[in-house]
């Protein structure tokens, strides 16, 4: 089995700002666990895209980052923010 990885460098302040903006969407109690996650996509050489939704409201943003290996991951927003 091959494990796919994503490798980025981003300022802590930049990532914290991105996550803070989506926490209001992802923190609602939900029966669908994926809605508590944030999607991080690194496809551009200098941008990290951040997405969150609760199926009614969605939010997306782009943040300055050094993308060394492109990829994407969905991770619990609160856990990553903390």
PDB file of N, CA and C in Angstrom:
ATOM      1  N   UNK A   1       0.841  -1.174   0.000  1.00  0.00           N
ATOM      2  CA  UNK A   1       0.000   0.000   0.000  1.00  0.00           C
ATOM      3  C   UNK A   1       0.889   1.242   0.000  1.00  0.00           C
ATOM      4  N   UNK A   2       0.620   2.158  -0.901  1.00  0.00           N
ATOM      5  CA  UNK A   2       1.387   3.387  -0.986  1.00  0.00           C
ATOM      6  C   UNK A   2       0.645   4.494  -0.235  1.00  0.00           C
ATOM      7  N   UNK A   3       1.365   5.168   0.641  1.00  0.00           N
ATOM      8  CA  UNK A   3       0.788   6.261   1.418  1.00  0.00           C
ATOM      9  C   UNK A   3       1.048   7.568   0.686  1.00  0.00           C
ATOM     10  N   UNK A   4      -0.002   8.316   0.425  1.00  0.00           N
ATOM     11  CA  UNK A   4       0.139   9.609  -0.237  1.00  0.00           C
ATOM     12  C   UNK A   4       0.343  10.687   0.810  1.00  0.00           C
ATOM     13  N   UNK A   5       1.204  11.616   0.511  1.00  0.00           N
ATOM     14  CA  UNK A   5       1.522  12.667   1.467  1.00  0.00           C
ATOM     15  C   UNK A   5       1.367  14.042   0.844  1.00  0.00           C
ATOM     16  N   UNK A   6       1.216  15.009   1.683  1.00  0.00           N
ATOM     17  CA  UNK A   6       1.197  16.407   1.281  1.00  0.00           C
ATOM     18  C   UNK A   6       2.213  17.093   2.177  1.00  0.00           C
ATOM     19  N   UNK A   7       3.046  17.942   1.600  1.00  0.00           N
ATOM     20  CA  UNK A   7       4.053  18.623   2.402  1.00  0.00           C
ATOM     21  C   UNK A   7       3.992  20.115   2.108  1.00  0.00           C
ATOM     22  N   UNK A   8       3.737  20.885   3.169  1.00  0.00           N
ATOM     23  CA  UNK A   8       3.662  22.345   3.030  1.00  0.00           C
ATOM     24  C   UNK A   8       4.377  23.002   4.208  1.00  0.00           C
ATOM     25  N   UNK A   9       4.741  24.240   3.988  1.00  0.00           N
ATOM     26  CA  UNK A   9       5.243  25.101   5.067  1.00  0.00           C
ATOM     27  C   UNK A   9       4.346  26.332   5.066  1.00  0.00           C
ATOM     28  N   UNK A  10       3.802  26.625   6.243  1.00  0.00           N
ATOM     29  CA  UNK A  10       2.903  27.773   6.374  1.00  0.00           C
ATOM     30  C   UNK A  10       3.140  28.417   7.733  1.00  0.00           C
ATOM     31  N   UNK A  11       3.075  29.718   7.781  1.00  0.00           N
ATOM     32  CA  UNK A  11       3.239  30.427   9.045  1.00  0.00           C
ATOM     33  C   UNK A  11       2.131  30.025  10.008  1.00  0.00           C
ATOM     34  N   UNK A  12       2.483  29.849  11.251  1.00  0.00           N
ATOM     35  CA  UNK A  12       1.509  29.456  12.269  1.00  0.00           C
ATOM     36  C   UNK A  12       0.350  30.440  12.330  1.00  0.00           C
ATOM     37  N   UNK A  13       0.656  31.714  12.250  1.00  0.00           N
ATOM     38  CA  UNK A  13      -0.382  32.750  12.296  1.00  0.00           C
ATOM     39  C   UNK A  13      -1.340  32.603  11.113  1.00  0.00           C
ATOM     40  N   UNK A  14      -0.810  32.308   9.947  1.00  0.00           N
ATOM     41  CA  UNK A  14      -1.626  32.150   8.737  1.00  0.00           C
ATOM     42  C   UNK A  14      -2.571  30.953   8.870  1.00  0.00           C
ATOM     43  N   UNK A  15      -2.054  29.823   9.339  1.00  0.00           N
ATOM     44  CA  UNK A  15      -2.880  28.629   9.507  1.00  0.00           C
ATOM     45  C   UNK A  15      -3.916  28.832  10.604  1.00  0.00           C
ATOM     46  N   UNK A  16      -3.525  29.454  11.703  1.00  0.00           N
ATOM     47  CA  UNK A  16      -4.468  29.712  12.799  1.00  0.00           C
ATOM     48  C   UNK A  16      -5.608  30.607  12.326  1.00  0.00           C
ATOM     49  N   UNK A  17      -5.293  31.610  11.523  1.00  0.00           N
ATOM     50  CA  UNK A  17      -6.322  32.504  10.987  1.00  0.00           C
ATOM     51  C   UNK A  17      -7.289  31.734  10.087  1.00  0.00           C
ATOM     52  N   UNK A  18      -6.757  30.879   9.236  1.00  0.00           N
ATOM     53  CA  UNK A  18      -7.595  30.079   8.339  1.00  0.00           C
ATOM     54  C   UNK A  18      -8.542  29.178   9.129  1.00  0.00           C
ATOM     55  N   UNK A  19      -8.021  28.518  10.143  1.00  0.00           N
ATOM     56  CA  UNK A  19      -8.838  27.598  10.936  1.00  0.00           C
ATOM     57  C   UNK A  19      -9.856  28.340  11.794  1.00  0.00           C
ATOM     58  N   UNK A  20      -9.468  29.471  12.354  1.00  0.00           N
ATOM     59  CA  UNK A  20     -10.384  30.259  13.174  1.00  0.00           C
ATOM     60  C   UNK A  20     -11.614  30.671  12.368  1.00  0.00           C
ATOM     61  N   UNK A  21     -11.397  30.998  11.111  1.00  0.00           N
ATOM     62  CA  UNK A  21     -12.514  31.440  10.262  1.00  0.00           C
ATOM     63  C   UNK A  21     -13.529  30.343   9.997  1.00  0.00           C
ATOM     64  N   UNK A  22     -13.106  29.089   9.990  1.00  0.00           N
ATOM     65  CA  UNK A  22     -14.038  28.002   9.678  1.00  0.00           C
ATOM     66  C   UNK A  22     -14.571  27.283  10.918  1.00  0.00           C
ATOM     67  N   UNK A  23     -14.038  27.577  12.091  1.00  0.00           N
ATOM     68  CA  UNK A  23     -14.473  26.868  13.301  1.00  0.00           C
ATOM     69  C   UNK A  23     -15.960  27.027  13.581  1.00  0.00           C
ATOM     70  N   UNK A  24     -16.523  28.176  13.298  1.00  0.00           N
ATOM     71  CA  UNK A  24     -17.954  28.383  13.533  1.00  0.00           C
ATOM     72  C   UNK A  24     -18.832  27.459  12.706  1.00  0.00           C
ATOM     73  N   UNK A  25     -18.357  27.107  11.543  1.00  0.00           N
ATOM     74  CA  UNK A  25     -19.103  26.184  10.677  1.00  0.00           C
ATOM     75  C   UNK A  25     -18.909  24.750  11.140  1.00  0.00           C
ATOM     76  N   UNK A  26     -17.687  24.381  11.457  1.00  0.00           N
ATOM     77  CA  UNK A  26     -17.375  22.981  11.756  1.00  0.00           C
ATOM     78  C   UNK A  26     -17.725  22.565  13.174  1.00  0.00           C
ATOM     79  N   UNK A  27     -17.935  23.491  14.093  1.00  0.00           N
ATOM     80  CA  UNK A  27     -18.162  23.121  15.484  1.00  0.00           C
ATOM     81  C   UNK A  27     -19.607  22.761  15.818  1.00  0.00           C
ATOM     82  N   UNK A  28     -20.510  22.986  14.932  1.00  0.00           N
ATOM     83  CA  UNK A  28     -21.904  22.637  15.217  1.00  0.00           C
ATOM     84  C   UNK A  28     -22.021  21.123  15.414  1.00  0.00           C
ATOM     85  N   UNK A  29     -22.880  20.761  16.326  1.00  0.00           N
ATOM     86  CA  UNK A  29     -23.107  19.326  16.539  1.00  0.00           C
ATOM     87  C   UNK A  29     -23.745  18.749  15.279  1.00  0.00           C
ATOM     88  N   UNK A  30     -23.194  17.633  14.841  1.00  0.00           N
ATOM     89  CA  UNK A  30     -23.670  17.040  13.599  1.00  0.00           C
ATOM     90  C   UNK A  30     -23.661  15.532  13.689  1.00  0.00           C
ATOM     91  N   UNK A  31     -24.560  14.908  12.975  1.00  0.00           N
ATOM     92  CA  UNK A  31     -24.578  13.445  12.920  1.00  0.00           C
ATOM     93  C   UNK A  31     -23.677  12.937  11.807  1.00  0.00           C
ATOM     94  N   UNK A  32     -23.157  13.848  10.996  1.00  0.00           N
ATOM     95  CA  UNK A  32     -22.244  13.480   9.918  1.00  0.00           C
ATOM     96  C   UNK A  32     -20.842  13.971  10.291  1.00  0.00           C
ATOM     97  N   UNK A  33     -19.970  13.074  10.709  1.00  0.00           N
ATOM     98  CA  UNK A  33     -18.660  13.463  11.223  1.00  0.00           C
ATOM     99  C   UNK A  33     -17.799  14.290  10.258  1.00  0.00           C
ATOM    100  N   UNK A  34     -17.929  14.096   8.966  1.00  0.00           N
ATOM    101  CA  UNK A  34     -17.083  14.831   8.025  1.00  0.00           C
ATOM    102  C   UNK A  34     -17.331  16.336   8.099  1.00  0.00           C
ATOM    103  N   UNK A  35     -18.501  16.757   8.554  1.00  0.00           N
ATOM    104  CA  UNK A  35     -18.795  18.182   8.665  1.00  0.00           C
ATOM    105  C   UNK A  35     -18.020  18.858   9.798  1.00  0.00           C
ATOM    106  N   UNK A  36     -17.369  18.090  10.648  1.00  0.00           N
ATOM    107  CA  UNK A  36     -16.509  18.677  11.685  1.00  0.00           C
ATOM    108  C   UNK A  36     -15.067  18.817  11.188  1.00  0.00           C
ATOM    109  N   UNK A  37     -14.835  18.427   9.945  1.00  0.00           N
ATOM    110  CA  UNK A  37     -13.498  18.472   9.351  1.00  0.00           C
ATOM    111  C   UNK A  37     -13.316  19.695   8.454  1.00  0.00           C
ATOM    112  N   UNK A  38     -12.063  20.033   8.241  1.00  0.00           N
ATOM    113  CA  UNK A  38     -11.686  21.075   7.299  1.00  0.00           C
ATOM    114  C   UNK A  38     -10.867  20.394   6.206  1.00  0.00           C
ATOM    115  N   UNK A  39     -11.087  20.808   4.963  1.00  0.00           N
ATOM    116  CA  UNK A  39     -10.335  20.254   3.834  1.00  0.00           C
ATOM    117  C   UNK A  39      -9.204  21.207   3.496  1.00  0.00           C
ATOM    118  N   UNK A  40      -7.984  20.700   3.541  1.00  0.00           N
ATOM    119  CA  UNK A  40      -6.801  21.472   3.171  1.00  0.00           C
ATOM    120  C   UNK A  40      -6.308  20.945   1.828  1.00  0.00           C
ATOM    121  N   UNK A  41      -6.222  21.820   0.837  1.00  0.00           N
ATOM    122  CA  UNK A  41      -5.752  21.428  -0.498  1.00  0.00           C
ATOM    123  C   UNK A  41      -4.558  22.292  -0.885  1.00  0.00           C
ATOM    124  N   UNK A  42      -3.470  21.628  -1.198  1.00  0.00           N
ATOM    125  CA  UNK A  42      -2.253  22.321  -1.624  1.00  0.00           C
ATOM    126  C   UNK A  42      -1.952  21.889  -3.052  1.00  0.00           C
ATOM    127  N   UNK A  43      -2.355  22.701  -4.008  1.00  0.00           N
ATOM    128  CA  UNK A  43      -2.132  22.364  -5.410  1.00  0.00           C
ATOM    129  C   UNK A  43      -1.279  23.402  -6.112  1.00  0.00           C
ATOM    130  N   UNK A  44      -1.399  24.642  -5.714  1.00  0.00           N
ATOM    131  CA  UNK A  44      -0.605  25.728  -6.272  1.00  0.00           C
ATOM    132  C   UNK A  44       0.742  25.756  -5.538  1.00  0.00           C
ATOM    133  N   UNK A  45       1.812  26.211  -6.177  1.00  0.00           N
ATOM    134  CA  UNK A  45       3.117  26.223  -5.507  1.00  0.00           C
ATOM    135  C   UNK A  45       3.211  27.163  -4.302  1.00  0.00           C
ATOM    136  N   UNK A  46       2.283  28.123  -4.198  1.00  0.00           N
ATOM    137  CA  UNK A  46       2.394  29.084  -3.100  1.00  0.00           C
ATOM    138  C   UNK A  46       1.073  29.352  -2.375  1.00  0.00           C
ATOM    139  N   UNK A  47       0.103  28.455  -2.504  1.00  0.00           N
ATOM    140  CA  UNK A  47      -1.209  28.673  -1.886  1.00  0.00           C
ATOM    141  C   UNK A  47      -1.742  27.399  -1.242  1.00  0.00           C
ATOM    142  N   UNK A  48      -2.365  27.572  -0.076  1.00  0.00           N
ATOM    143  CA  UNK A  48      -3.101  26.505   0.584  1.00  0.00           C
ATOM    144  C   UNK A  48      -4.565  26.907   0.565  1.00  0.00           C
ATOM    145  N   UNK A  49      -5.412  26.059   0.013  1.00  0.00           N
ATOM    146  CA  UNK A  49      -6.854  26.314  -0.011  1.00  0.00           C
ATOM    147  C   UNK A  49      -7.487  25.593   1.168  1.00  0.00           C
ATOM    148  N   UNK A  50      -8.401  26.285   1.850  1.00  0.00           N
ATOM    149  CA  UNK A  50      -9.056  25.749   3.037  1.00  0.00           C
ATOM    150  C   UNK A  50     -10.563  25.795   2.810  1.00  0.00           C
ATOM    151  N   UNK A  51     -11.228  24.665   3.008  1.00  0.00           N
ATOM    152  CA  UNK A  51     -12.671  24.554   2.776  1.00  0.00           C
ATOM    153  C   UNK A  51     -13.354  23.934   3.990  1.00  0.00           C
ATOM    154  N   UNK A  52     -14.569  24.412   4.278  1.00  0.00           N
ATOM    155  CA  UNK A  52     -15.404  23.819   5.324  1.00  0.00           C
ATOM    156  C   UNK A  52     -16.862  24.026   4.942  1.00  0.00           C
ATOM    157  N   UNK A  53     -17.708  23.093   5.366  1.00  0.00           N
ATOM    158  CA  UNK A  53     -19.141  23.215   5.104  1.00  0.00           C
ATOM    159  C   UNK A  53     -19.912  22.458   6.180  1.00  0.00           C
ATOM    160  N   UNK A  54     -21.159  22.849   6.355  1.00  0.00           N
ATOM    161  CA  UNK A  54     -22.069  22.088   7.215  1.00  0.00           C
ATOM    162  C   UNK A  54     -23.286  21.649   6.401  1.00  0.00           C
ATOM    163  N   UNK A  55     -23.158  21.649   5.109  1.00  0.00           N
ATOM    164  CA  UNK A  55     -24.154  21.315   4.086  1.00  0.00           C
ATOM    165  C   UNK A  55     -25.120  22.461   3.797  1.00  0.00           C
ATOM    166  N   UNK A  56     -25.182  23.473   4.664  1.00  0.00           N
ATOM    167  CA  UNK A  56     -25.999  24.654   4.408  1.00  0.00           C
ATOM    168  C   UNK A  56     -25.140  25.876   4.130  1.00  0.00           C
ATOM    169  N   UNK A  57     -24.060  25.984   4.874  1.00  0.00           N
ATOM    170  CA  UNK A  57     -23.134  27.110   4.747  1.00  0.00           C
ATOM    171  C   UNK A  57     -21.766  26.544   4.398  1.00  0.00           C
ATOM    172  N   UNK A  58     -21.079  27.206   3.499  1.00  0.00           N
ATOM    173  CA  UNK A  58     -19.732  26.789   3.156  1.00  0.00           C
ATOM    174  C   UNK A  58     -18.789  27.974   3.193  1.00  0.00           C
ATOM    175  N   UNK A  59     -17.534  27.690   3.404  1.00  0.00           N
ATOM    176  CA  UNK A  59     -16.535  28.745   3.428  1.00  0.00           C
ATOM    177  C   UNK A  59     -15.269  28.220   2.764  1.00  0.00           C
ATOM    178  N   UNK A  60     -14.629  29.087   1.996  1.00  0.00           N
ATOM    179  CA  UNK A  60     -13.375  28.734   1.338  1.00  0.00           C
ATOM    180  C   UNK A  60     -12.432  29.917   1.440  1.00  0.00           C
ATOM    181  N   UNK A  61     -11.159  29.633   1.523  1.00  0.00           N
ATOM    182  CA  UNK A  61     -10.160  30.692   1.574  1.00  0.00           C
ATOM    183  C   UNK A  61      -8.834  30.183   1.050  1.00  0.00           C
ATOM    184  N   UNK A  62      -7.991  31.119   0.632  1.00  0.00           N
ATOM    185  CA  UNK A  62      -6.649  30.774   0.177  1.00  0.00           C
ATOM    186  C   UNK A  62      -5.648  31.520   1.029  1.00  0.00           C
ATOM    187  N   UNK A  63      -4.559  30.831   1.364  1.00  0.00           N
ATOM    188  CA  UNK A  63      -3.561  31.379   2.257  1.00  0.00           C
ATOM    189  C   UNK A  63      -2.167  31.113   1.703  1.00  0.00           C
ATOM    190  N   UNK A  64      -1.259  32.050   1.993  1.00  0.00           N
ATOM    191  CA  UNK A  64       0.116  31.947   1.529  1.00  0.00           C
ATOM    192  C   UNK A  64       0.797  30.750   2.188  1.00  0.00           C
ATOM    193  N   UNK A  65       1.398  29.887   1.379  1.00  0.00           N
ATOM    194  CA  UNK A  65       2.115  28.719   1.890  1.00  0.00           C
ATOM    195  C   UNK A  65       3.153  28.286   0.871  1.00  0.00           C
ATOM    196  N   UNK A  66       4.147  27.589   1.331  1.00  0.00           N
ATOM    197  CA  UNK A  66       5.160  27.005   0.451  1.00  0.00           C
ATOM    198  C   UNK A  66       4.791  25.540   0.259  1.00  0.00           C
ATOM    199  N   UNK A  67       4.242  25.208  -0.895  1.00  0.00           N
ATOM    200  CA  UNK A  67       3.810  23.840  -1.178  1.00  0.00           C
ATOM    201  C   UNK A  67       4.996  23.068  -1.763  1.00  0.00           C
ATOM    202  N   UNK A  68       5.507  22.131  -0.979  1.00  0.00           N
ATOM    203  CA  UNK A  68       6.641  21.331  -1.408  1.00  0.00           C
ATOM    204  C   UNK A  68       6.199  20.036  -2.082  1.00  0.00           C
ATOM    205  N   UNK A  69       5.063  19.507  -1.654  1.00  0.00           N
ATOM    206  CA  UNK A  69       4.490  18.304  -2.255  1.00  0.00           C
ATOM    207  C   UNK A  69       2.971  18.466  -2.253  1.00  0.00           C
ATOM    208  N   UNK A  70       2.352  18.642  -3.425  1.00  0.00           N
ATOM    209  CA  UNK A  70       0.904  18.884  -3.489  1.00  0.00           C
ATOM    210  C   UNK A  70       0.089  17.713  -2.941  1.00  0.00           C
ATOM    211  N   UNK A  71      -1.109  18.033  -2.482  1.00  0.00           N
ATOM    212  CA  UNK A  71      -2.004  17.006  -1.984  1.00  0.00           C
ATOM    213  C   UNK A  71      -3.193  17.630  -1.283  1.00  0.00           C
ATOM    214  N   UNK A  72      -3.975  16.792  -0.633  1.00  0.00           N
ATOM    215  CA  UNK A  72      -5.170  17.253   0.083  1.00  0.00           C
ATOM    216  C   UNK A  72      -5.425  16.321   1.262  1.00  0.00           C
ATOM    217  N   UNK A  73      -6.025  16.898   2.314  1.00  0.00           N
ATOM    218  CA  UNK A  73      -6.362  16.100   3.488  1.00  0.00           C
ATOM    219  C   UNK A  73      -7.564  16.737   4.182  1.00  0.00           C
ATOM    220  N   UNK A  74      -8.447  15.895   4.702  1.00  0.00           N
ATOM    221  CA  UNK A  74      -9.560  16.355   5.548  1.00  0.00           C
ATOM    222  C   UNK A  74      -9.197  15.963   6.972  1.00  0.00           C
ATOM    223  N   UNK A  75      -9.223  16.946   7.856  1.00  0.00           N
ATOM    224  CA  UNK A  75      -8.783  16.722   9.239  1.00  0.00           C
ATOM    225  C   UNK A  75      -9.735  17.459  10.179  1.00  0.00           C
ATOM    226  N   UNK A  76      -9.965  16.921  11.386  1.00  0.00           N
ATOM    227  CA  UNK A  76     -10.851  17.617  12.322  1.00  0.00           C
ATOM    228  C   UNK A  76     -10.354  19.036  12.598  1.00  0.00           C
ATOM    229  N   UNK A  77     -11.182  20.003  12.355  1.00  0.00           N
ATOM    230  CA  UNK A  77     -10.796  21.417  12.460  1.00  0.00           C
ATOM    231  C   UNK A  77     -10.405  21.796  13.882  1.00  0.00           C
ATOM    232  N   UNK A  78     -11.206  21.429  14.864  1.00  0.00           N
ATOM    233  CA  UNK A  78     -10.924  21.813  16.252  1.00  0.00           C
ATOM    234  C   UNK A  78      -9.617  21.194  16.719  1.00  0.00           C
ATOM    235  N   UNK A  79      -9.400  19.956  16.403  1.00  0.00           N
ATOM    236  CA  UNK A  79      -8.172  19.256  16.813  1.00  0.00           C
ATOM    237  C   UNK A  79      -6.932  19.928  16.206  1.00  0.00           C
ATOM    238  N   UNK A  80      -6.999  20.296  14.955  1.00  0.00           N
ATOM    239  CA  UNK A  80      -5.869  20.957  14.313  1.00  0.00           C
ATOM    240  C   UNK A  80      -5.667  22.357  14.872  1.00  0.00           C
ATOM    241  N   UNK A  81      -6.740  23.085  15.124  1.00  0.00           N
ATOM    242  CA  UNK A  81      -6.644  24.433  15.668  1.00  0.00           C
ATOM    243  C   UNK A  81      -6.018  24.422  17.060  1.00  0.00           C
ATOM    244  N   UNK A  82      -6.439  23.467  17.877  1.00  0.00           N
ATOM    245  CA  UNK A  82      -5.899  23.381  19.234  1.00  0.00           C
ATOM    246  C   UNK A  82      -4.440  22.969  19.207  1.00  0.00           C
TER     247      UNK A  82
END
